[in-house]
Amino acid sequence: MPDVLTDLAAAKINLFLRVLGQRADGYHRLDSLVSFAEIGDRLTVAASGTLSLTMTGPFASALRDIPPEQNLVFRAAEALRFAAGRPNLGAALTLEKHLPIASGIGGGSADAAAALRLLPRLWGIDPARLPLTEIAARLGADVPMCLLSTSARIGGVGEIIAPVVVPRVAAVLVNPGVPVETKAAFAAREGAFSLPLLALPPLANLDDLADLVQRGGNDLMRPALTLAPVIANVLNALRAAPHCRAAALSGSGATCFGLFPTRDARTEAAARIKTAHPDWWVAGTWIGG
């Protein structure tokens, strides 16, 4: 068995997000296309006689007052060892937080998913013998899709996952430093529910993807704007960047993304936005592929 393992907890991007209805248990039914960025948090797991969690990275301080037992990574580890019937298994978990907190790009869910991928290997347990999908769903609606960490059409409350081929495109992610809680965004949503998109067109290139982003929309945009009006400024900054093909809000926000035709265009846009707004989190990356 390995002594140390590490994995990227990739940022999740909702390329479109439609809210179709609400179940009796309060969860909302969704239609979404998600993809994953080549940046994210990083989880390292090491052999240990006890279970512990250490937080590092630029956004670790935002979680310093939260007990480790309430962190999704720790909860994932506890769920795994009990599912394996070995509740005394230990691991030293180190989570490098590079993604903003409550930012609409699945940071906590991706972190938990990374734990579900890594710990069975560390502990020498065949993942096929563990109910990983069930554990993921209990941890949160976004965790199953983050467990797969591949572009997919999402239905139900997040449990229906159909992989989709999405072209690899350059993107800029921007967060203004204002957290938006997902529950608050759904609670602020008003009006009729949406219909799902009937079918996805072939997504062969950036133009196809940009058209779908604009057509699909994000039903949490309006409530997110009421909670964090600065989102409008973020979208304006992305859309004003040269060569931006589409810009939209991811999830409940406040992170927005812009799609660009080349690495150079992405780099120029990120630098321009960061210079104008030095207090914003700005990251260039690739999504899809």
Protein backbone atom coordinates (compact mmCIF):
# COMPACT_ATOMS: atom_id res chain seq x y z
CA MET A 1 0.00 0.00 0.00
CA PRO A 2 1.28 3.52 -0.76
CA ASP A 3 2.25 5.76 2.16
CA VAL A 4 1.23 9.05 0.50
CA LEU A 5 -1.23 9.87 -2.29
CA THR A 6 -2.41 13.17 -3.74
CA ASP A 7 -5.15 14.23 -6.14
CA LEU A 8 -6.61 17.37 -7.68
CA ALA A 9 -10.08 18.34 -6.48
CA ALA A 10 -11.01 20.03 -9.74
CA ALA A 11 -13.26 23.08 -9.87
CA LYS A 12 -16.72 22.28 -11.26
CA ILE A 13 -18.22 24.64 -13.83
CA ASN A 14 -21.95 24.74 -14.59
CA LEU A 15 -21.98 25.62 -18.27
CA PHE A 16 -25.74 26.00 -17.96
CA LEU A 17 -28.10 25.43 -15.05
CA ARG A 18 -31.88 25.17 -15.23
CA VAL A 19 -34.12 24.63 -12.20
CA LEU A 20 -37.01 22.35 -13.16
CA GLY A 21 -38.94 22.00 -9.90
CA GLN A 22 -38.74 21.21 -6.22
CA ARG A 23 -39.27 17.88 -4.50
CA ALA A 24 -41.22 17.41 -1.30
CA ASP A 25 -37.94 17.03 0.63
CA GLY A 26 -36.86 20.51 -0.46
CA TYR A 27 -34.26 19.47 -3.00
CA HIS A 28 -34.54 21.01 -6.48
CA ARG A 29 -34.60 19.08 -9.74
CA LEU A 30 -32.02 20.36 -12.18
CA ASP A 31 -30.91 20.22 -15.77
CA SER A 32 -27.26 21.19 -16.09
CA LEU A 33 -24.16 20.63 -18.14
CA VAL A 34 -21.06 20.52 -15.97
CA SER A 35 -17.42 20.42 -16.88
CA PHE A 36 -14.26 20.53 -14.81
CA ALA A 37 -11.31 22.88 -14.81
CA GLU A 38 -7.64 21.96 -14.67
CA ILE A 39 -7.28 23.90 -11.42
CA GLY A 40 -8.72 23.23 -7.98
CA ASP A 41 -7.90 22.34 -4.43
CA ARG A 42 -5.39 19.56 -3.73
CA LEU A 43 -5.85 16.74 -1.25
CA THR A 44 -2.97 14.67 0.10
CA VAL A 45 -3.54 11.56 2.23
CA ALA A 46 -0.80 9.84 4.21
CA ALA A 47 -0.66 6.74 6.33
CA SER A 48 -1.39 7.44 10.01
CA GLY A 49 -2.72 5.68 13.07
CA THR A 50 -5.41 8.33 13.56
CA LEU A 51 -7.72 10.36 11.34
CA SER A 52 -6.75 14.03 11.13
CA LEU A 53 -7.27 17.00 8.81
CA THR A 54 -4.86 19.88 8.21
CA MET A 55 -5.82 22.91 6.13
CA THR A 56 -3.30 24.88 4.08
CA GLY A 57 -3.41 27.16 1.05
CA PRO A 58 -4.64 30.69 0.35
CA PHE A 59 -8.25 30.05 1.38
CA ALA A 60 -7.60 27.85 4.42
CA SER A 61 -8.11 30.74 6.83
CA ALA A 62 -11.77 31.01 5.80
CA LEU A 63 -12.35 27.55 7.31
CA ARG A 64 -10.21 27.84 10.45
CA ASP A 65 -13.22 28.24 12.77
CA ILE A 66 -15.00 25.15 11.41
CA PRO A 67 -14.28 21.95 13.39
CA PRO A 68 -12.59 19.28 11.23
CA GLU A 69 -15.50 16.89 11.90
CA GLN A 70 -17.78 19.25 9.97
CA ASN A 71 -15.54 19.39 6.90
CA LEU A 72 -16.75 17.28 3.98
CA VAL A 73 -13.32 15.69 3.54
CA PHE A 74 -13.30 14.44 7.14
CA ARG A 75 -16.91 13.30 6.85
CA ALA A 76 -16.06 11.42 3.64
CA ALA A 77 -13.20 9.65 5.40
CA GLU A 78 -15.40 8.66 8.34
CA ALA A 79 -18.13 7.38 6.02
CA LEU A 80 -15.60 5.31 4.08
CA ARG A 81 -14.04 3.59 7.04
CA PHE A 82 -17.41 2.70 8.53
CA ALA A 83 -18.64 1.41 5.15
CA ALA A 84 -15.52 -0.77 5.05
CA GLY A 85 -16.31 -2.10 8.53
CA ARG A 86 -12.98 -0.77 9.80
CA PRO A 87 -13.84 2.30 11.91
CA ASN A 88 -10.34 2.58 13.37
CA LEU A 89 -8.58 3.20 10.05
CA GLY A 90 -6.49 6.37 10.13
CA ALA A 91 -5.09 8.87 7.65
CA ALA A 92 -3.40 12.25 7.79
CA LEU A 93 -5.44 14.41 5.41
CA THR A 94 -3.94 17.67 4.13
CA LEU A 95 -6.24 19.90 2.11
CA GLU A 96 -4.72 22.78 0.15
CA LYS A 97 -7.54 25.28 -0.39
CA HIS A 98 -6.93 27.15 -3.64
CA LEU A 99 -10.59 27.77 -4.53
CA PRO A 100 -12.73 30.48 -2.88
CA ILE A 101 -15.26 29.34 -0.31
CA ALA A 102 -19.00 29.17 -1.21
CA SER A 103 -18.16 30.19 -4.77
CA GLY A 104 -20.37 28.03 -7.00
CA ILE A 105 -17.57 25.85 -8.37
CA GLY A 106 -17.96 22.85 -6.09
CA GLY A 107 -14.87 23.27 -3.92
CA GLY A 108 -16.08 21.36 -0.86
CA SER A 109 -17.81 18.72 -2.96
CA ALA A 110 -14.70 18.20 -5.08
CA ASP A 111 -12.60 17.92 -1.91
CA ALA A 112 -14.88 15.19 -0.55
CA ALA A 113 -14.81 13.39 -3.89
CA ALA A 114 -11.01 13.41 -3.88
CA ALA A 115 -11.08 11.76 -0.45
CA LEU A 116 -13.42 9.06 -1.78
CA ARG A 117 -11.00 8.39 -4.64
CA LEU A 118 -7.79 8.40 -2.60
CA LEU A 119 -8.54 6.71 0.71
CA PRO A 120 -9.53 3.26 -0.61
CA ARG A 121 -6.12 3.15 -2.35
CA LEU A 122 -4.30 4.28 0.79
CA TRP A 123 -6.10 1.68 2.88
CA GLY A 124 -5.75 -1.12 0.35
CA ILE A 125 -9.49 -1.55 -0.11
CA ASP A 126 -10.99 -2.44 -3.49
CA PRO A 127 -13.21 0.57 -4.41
CA ALA A 128 -15.64 -1.84 -6.08
CA ARG A 129 -16.41 -3.26 -2.63
CA LEU A 130 -17.48 0.14 -1.29
CA PRO A 131 -20.75 2.02 -1.98
CA LEU A 132 -18.88 5.10 -3.17
CA THR A 133 -21.77 6.57 -5.14
CA GLU A 134 -24.15 6.19 -2.20
CA ILE A 135 -21.66 7.77 0.19
CA ALA A 136 -21.09 10.62 -2.24
CA ALA A 137 -24.82 11.32 -2.54
CA ARG A 138 -25.22 11.41 1.23
CA LEU A 139 -22.43 13.97 1.50
CA GLY A 140 -24.02 16.38 -0.99
CA ALA A 141 -25.79 16.65 -4.32
CA ASP A 142 -22.64 17.76 -6.16
CA VAL A 143 -20.33 15.09 -4.74
CA PRO A 144 -21.32 12.24 -7.14
CA MET A 145 -20.56 14.34 -10.22
CA CYS A 146 -17.29 15.51 -8.65
CA LEU A 147 -16.41 11.89 -7.90
CA LEU A 148 -16.47 11.18 -11.64
CA SER A 149 -14.96 14.60 -12.42
CA THR A 150 -15.83 14.39 -16.10
CA SER A 151 -18.04 16.56 -18.31
CA ALA A 152 -21.64 15.40 -17.96
CA ARG A 153 -25.32 16.27 -18.33
CA ILE A 154 -26.80 16.34 -14.84
CA GLY A 155 -30.42 15.57 -13.94
CA GLY A 156 -32.52 14.83 -10.89
CA VAL A 157 -31.02 16.52 -7.84
CA GLY A 158 -27.56 15.65 -9.11
CA GLU A 159 -27.69 11.86 -9.08
CA ILE A 160 -28.42 11.42 -12.82
CA ILE A 161 -25.05 11.76 -14.55
CA ALA A 162 -24.64 11.20 -18.29
CA PRO A 163 -21.10 11.83 -19.62
CA VAL A 164 -20.89 14.29 -22.50
CA VAL A 165 -18.00 15.10 -24.80
CA VAL A 166 -17.10 18.78 -24.29
CA PRO A 167 -14.27 20.42 -26.25
CA ARG A 168 -11.23 21.59 -24.29
CA VAL A 169 -11.37 25.37 -24.25
CA ALA A 170 -9.52 28.21 -22.55
CA ALA A 171 -11.39 29.84 -19.69
CA VAL A 172 -11.00 32.58 -17.10
CA LEU A 173 -12.64 32.14 -13.69
CA VAL A 174 -13.37 35.24 -11.62
CA ASN A 175 -14.70 35.50 -8.08
CA PRO A 176 -15.22 38.90 -6.41
CA GLY A 177 -14.57 37.60 -2.90
CA VAL A 178 -18.23 37.50 -1.83
CA PRO A 179 -19.50 34.09 -0.68
CA VAL A 180 -22.94 33.00 -1.86
CA GLU A 181 -24.50 30.07 -0.05
CA THR A 182 -26.28 27.65 -2.36
CA LYS A 183 -29.27 27.30 -0.02
CA ALA A 184 -29.69 31.06 0.10
CA ALA A 185 -29.64 31.34 -3.69
CA PHE A 186 -32.31 28.66 -4.10
CA ALA A 187 -34.40 30.27 -1.35
CA ALA A 188 -34.25 33.62 -3.15
CA ARG A 189 -35.38 32.13 -6.47
CA GLU A 190 -38.82 33.30 -7.58
CA GLY A 191 -41.18 32.65 -10.46
CA ALA A 192 -41.96 29.65 -12.62
CA PHE A 193 -39.63 26.73 -13.04
CA SER A 194 -37.84 26.09 -16.34
CA LEU A 195 -38.14 23.32 -18.88
CA PRO A 196 -35.08 21.20 -19.63
CA LEU A 197 -33.23 21.62 -22.87
CA LEU A 198 -34.64 18.95 -25.17
CA ALA A 199 -31.31 17.81 -26.57
CA LEU A 200 -27.73 18.92 -26.60
CA PRO A 201 -26.29 19.84 -29.99
CA PRO A 202 -22.94 18.35 -31.00
CA LEU A 203 -20.22 20.22 -29.13
CA ALA A 204 -17.32 20.16 -31.54
CA ASN A 205 -15.63 23.47 -30.80
CA LEU A 206 -15.65 26.70 -28.81
CA ASP A 207 -18.42 28.29 -30.89
CA ASP A 208 -20.74 25.35 -30.21
CA LEU A 209 -20.02 25.54 -26.50
CA ALA A 210 -20.43 29.31 -26.32
CA ASP A 211 -23.80 29.09 -28.09
CA LEU A 212 -24.97 26.46 -25.59
CA VAL A 213 -23.84 28.54 -22.60
CA GLN A 214 -25.87 31.49 -23.86
CA ARG A 215 -28.91 29.39 -24.77
CA GLY A 216 -28.98 27.29 -21.62
CA GLY A 217 -28.64 30.16 -19.13
CA ASN A 218 -28.47 29.94 -15.36
CA ASP A 219 -31.71 30.09 -13.38
CA LEU A 220 -29.81 31.08 -10.24
CA MET A 221 -28.45 34.24 -11.83
CA ARG A 222 -31.24 36.53 -10.64
CA PRO A 223 -31.28 35.33 -7.02
CA ALA A 224 -27.48 35.37 -6.92
CA LEU A 225 -27.51 38.99 -8.09
CA THR A 226 -29.84 39.94 -5.26
CA LEU A 227 -27.42 38.35 -2.79
CA ALA A 228 -24.24 39.62 -4.44
CA PRO A 229 -24.86 42.52 -6.87
CA VAL A 230 -21.13 42.66 -7.66
CA ILE A 231 -21.66 39.60 -9.88
CA ALA A 232 -22.92 42.00 -12.57
CA ASN A 233 -19.56 43.79 -12.48
CA VAL A 234 -17.71 40.49 -12.82
CA LEU A 235 -19.72 39.49 -15.88
CA ASN A 236 -19.25 42.92 -17.43
CA ALA A 237 -15.49 42.64 -16.92
CA LEU A 238 -15.37 39.23 -18.60
CA ARG A 239 -17.58 40.26 -21.51
CA ALA A 240 -15.50 43.38 -22.09
CA ALA A 241 -12.29 41.36 -22.41
CA PRO A 242 -11.08 40.99 -26.00
CA HIS A 243 -12.09 37.74 -27.70
CA CYS A 244 -14.47 36.59 -24.93
CA ARG A 245 -16.97 34.28 -26.66
CA ALA A 246 -19.35 33.80 -23.72
CA ALA A 247 -19.51 34.59 -20.01
CA ALA A 248 -21.87 33.26 -17.36
CA LEU A 249 -22.34 32.52 -13.69
CA SER A 250 -21.37 29.06 -12.42
CA GLY A 251 -23.81 27.41 -10.03
CA SER A 252 -25.09 29.79 -7.37
CA GLY A 253 -22.02 31.99 -7.76
CA ALA A 254 -20.36 34.24 -7.18
CA THR A 255 -17.74 32.75 -9.51
CA CYS A 256 -18.23 33.59 -13.18
CA PHE A 257 -16.41 32.14 -16.17
CA GLY A 258 -15.50 33.43 -19.59
CA LEU A 259 -14.63 31.30 -22.63
CA PHE A 260 -11.75 32.32 -24.93
CA PRO A 261 -10.33 31.00 -28.22
CA THR A 262 -6.66 30.71 -27.20
CA ARG A 263 -4.32 30.53 -24.22
CA ASP A 264 -2.95 33.97 -25.11
CA ALA A 265 -6.44 35.52 -25.17
CA ARG A 266 -7.18 33.92 -21.82
CA THR A 267 -3.92 35.16 -20.32
CA GLU A 268 -4.52 38.71 -21.59
CA ALA A 269 -8.07 38.75 -20.20
CA ALA A 270 -7.01 37.42 -16.80
CA ALA A 271 -4.22 39.99 -16.52
CA ARG A 272 -6.49 42.85 -17.56
CA ILE A 273 -9.20 41.90 -15.04
CA LYS A 274 -6.71 41.33 -12.22
CA THR A 275 -5.07 44.70 -12.84
CA ALA A 276 -8.43 46.48 -12.75
CA HIS A 277 -9.68 44.50 -9.73
CA PRO A 278 -6.68 43.37 -7.63
CA ASP A 279 -8.96 42.20 -4.80
CA TRP A 280 -10.77 39.68 -7.04
CA TRP A 281 -9.70 36.07 -7.43
CA VAL A 282 -8.83 35.53 -11.10
CA ALA A 283 -7.59 32.27 -12.61
CA GLY A 284 -6.87 31.17 -16.15
CA THR A 285 -7.40 27.50 -16.89
CA TRP A 286 -8.74 24.92 -19.36
CA ILE A 287 -12.12 23.24 -19.08
CA GLY A 288 -13.58 20.28 -20.92
CA GLY A 289 -11.52 17.91 -22.97
